[in-house]
Amino acid sequence: MTSWQLVRMFAGVFILLSLALGIPGSPLFVSPWWLAFTAFVGANLLQSAFTRWCLLETILRKLGVKPGC
């Protein structure tokens, strides 16, 4: 997988997991504060759309993951 694919995969997993942990009707509910993490991931996705820079992608590339096209 390329770095941009991994970034999107991580974002999707983090959003789904934080929703499962933050929505009271979920069997995995822990605290509604997990929804703040959902907002944080969404804000980072929005920021990366405008700046074309993502910290996770930079980290993945330094770890040797090939860049996307």
C-alpha atoms as a PDB file:
ATOM      1  CA  MET A   1       0.000   0.000   0.000  1.00  0.00           C
ATOM      2  CA  THR A   2       1.098   3.550  -0.628  1.00  0.00           C
ATOM      3  CA  SER A   3       1.327   6.240   2.040  1.00  0.00           C
ATOM      4  CA  TRP A   4      -1.854   8.035   0.960  1.00  0.00           C
ATOM      5  CA  GLN A   5      -3.815   4.770   1.055  1.00  0.00           C
ATOM      6  CA  LEU A   6      -2.558   4.049   4.561  1.00  0.00           C
ATOM      7  CA  VAL A   7      -3.447   7.562   5.735  1.00  0.00           C
ATOM      8  CA  ARG A   8      -7.011   7.126   4.542  1.00  0.00           C
ATOM      9  CA  MET A   9      -7.217   3.654   6.048  1.00  0.00           C
ATOM     10  CA  PHE A  10      -5.982   4.938   9.436  1.00  0.00           C
ATOM     11  CA  ALA A  11      -8.440   7.856   9.309  1.00  0.00           C
ATOM     12  CA  GLY A  12     -11.350   5.547   8.523  1.00  0.00           C
ATOM     13  CA  VAL A  13     -10.450   3.109  11.297  1.00  0.00           C
ATOM     14  CA  PHE A  14      -9.945   5.919  13.830  1.00  0.00           C
ATOM     15  CA  ILE A  15     -13.273   7.539  12.950  1.00  0.00           C
ATOM     16  CA  LEU A  16     -15.244   4.298  13.127  1.00  0.00           C
ATOM     17  CA  LEU A  17     -13.556   3.219  16.349  1.00  0.00           C
ATOM     18  CA  SER A  18     -14.030   6.576  18.059  1.00  0.00           C
ATOM     19  CA  LEU A  19     -17.694   6.626  17.012  1.00  0.00           C
ATOM     20  CA  ALA A  20     -18.165   3.134  18.437  1.00  0.00           C
ATOM     21  CA  LEU A  21     -16.556   4.248  21.699  1.00  0.00           C
ATOM     22  CA  GLY A  22     -18.394   7.592  21.866  1.00  0.00           C
ATOM     23  CA  ILE A  23     -22.010   6.915  20.887  1.00  0.00           C
ATOM     24  CA  PRO A  24     -24.141   5.903  23.896  1.00  0.00           C
ATOM     25  CA  GLY A  25     -26.135   3.313  21.912  1.00  0.00           C
ATOM     26  CA  SER A  26     -23.016   1.401  20.918  1.00  0.00           C
ATOM     27  CA  PRO A  27     -22.142  -1.850  22.709  1.00  0.00           C
ATOM     28  CA  LEU A  28     -18.551  -0.543  22.924  1.00  0.00           C
ATOM     29  CA  PHE A  29     -19.550   2.800  24.496  1.00  0.00           C
ATOM     30  CA  VAL A  30     -16.988   4.218  26.927  1.00  0.00           C
ATOM     31  CA  SER A  31     -17.461   7.995  27.022  1.00  0.00           C
ATOM     32  CA  PRO A  32     -18.963  10.689  24.803  1.00  0.00           C
ATOM     33  CA  TRP A  33     -15.556  12.392  24.896  1.00  0.00           C
ATOM     34  CA  TRP A  34     -14.422   9.927  22.213  1.00  0.00           C
ATOM     35  CA  LEU A  35     -16.441  12.050  19.778  1.00  0.00           C
ATOM     36  CA  ALA A  36     -13.829  14.782  20.254  1.00  0.00           C
ATOM     37  CA  PHE A  37     -11.303  12.393  18.712  1.00  0.00           C
ATOM     38  CA  THR A  38     -13.665  11.910  15.759  1.00  0.00           C
ATOM     39  CA  ALA A  39     -13.744  15.698  15.309  1.00  0.00           C
ATOM     40  CA  PHE A  40      -9.943  15.868  15.584  1.00  0.00           C
ATOM     41  CA  VAL A  41      -9.465  13.296  12.806  1.00  0.00           C
ATOM     42  CA  GLY A  42     -12.019  15.093  10.627  1.00  0.00           C
ATOM     43  CA  ALA A  43     -10.313  18.441  11.193  1.00  0.00           C
ATOM     44  CA  ASN A  44      -6.961  16.947  10.227  1.00  0.00           C
ATOM     45  CA  LEU A  45      -8.443  15.526   7.020  1.00  0.00           C
ATOM     46  CA  LEU A  46      -9.923  18.918   6.190  1.00  0.00           C
ATOM     47  CA  GLN A  47      -6.640  20.696   6.958  1.00  0.00           C
ATOM     48  CA  SER A  48      -4.670  18.273   4.762  1.00  0.00           C
ATOM     49  CA  ALA A  49      -7.052  18.897   1.857  1.00  0.00           C
ATOM     50  CA  PHE A  50      -6.171  22.593   1.880  1.00  0.00           C
ATOM     51  CA  THR A  51      -2.472  22.455   2.787  1.00  0.00           C
ATOM     52  CA  ARG A  52      -1.614  19.195   0.968  1.00  0.00           C
ATOM     53  CA  TRP A  53       0.400  18.147   4.055  1.00  0.00           C
ATOM     54  CA  CYS A  54      -0.341  15.379   6.525  1.00  0.00           C
ATOM     55  CA  LEU A  55       1.870  14.501   9.489  1.00  0.00           C
ATOM     56  CA  LEU A  56       0.982  10.794   9.342  1.00  0.00           C
ATOM     57  CA  GLU A  57       1.962  10.616   5.674  1.00  0.00           C
ATOM     58  CA  THR A  58       5.313  12.259   6.474  1.00  0.00           C
ATOM     59  CA  ILE A  59       5.920   9.729   9.252  1.00  0.00           C
ATOM     60  CA  LEU A  60       4.959   6.803   7.007  1.00  0.00           C
ATOM     61  CA  ARG A  61       7.332   7.964   4.269  1.00  0.00           C
ATOM     62  CA  LYS A  62      10.192   8.240   6.765  1.00  0.00           C
ATOM     63  CA  LEU A  63       9.404   4.656   7.808  1.00  0.00           C
ATOM     64  CA  GLY A  64       9.924   3.572   4.209  1.00  0.00           C
ATOM     65  CA  VAL A  65       6.374   3.404   2.865  1.00  0.00           C
ATOM     66  CA  LYS A  66       6.306   4.329  -0.812  1.00  0.00           C
ATOM     67  CA  PRO A  67       4.507   7.560  -1.701  1.00  0.00           C
ATOM     68  CA  GLY A  68       1.238   7.522  -3.626  1.00  0.00           C
ATOM     69  CA  CYS A  69       0.855   8.797  -7.183  1.00  0.00           C
END
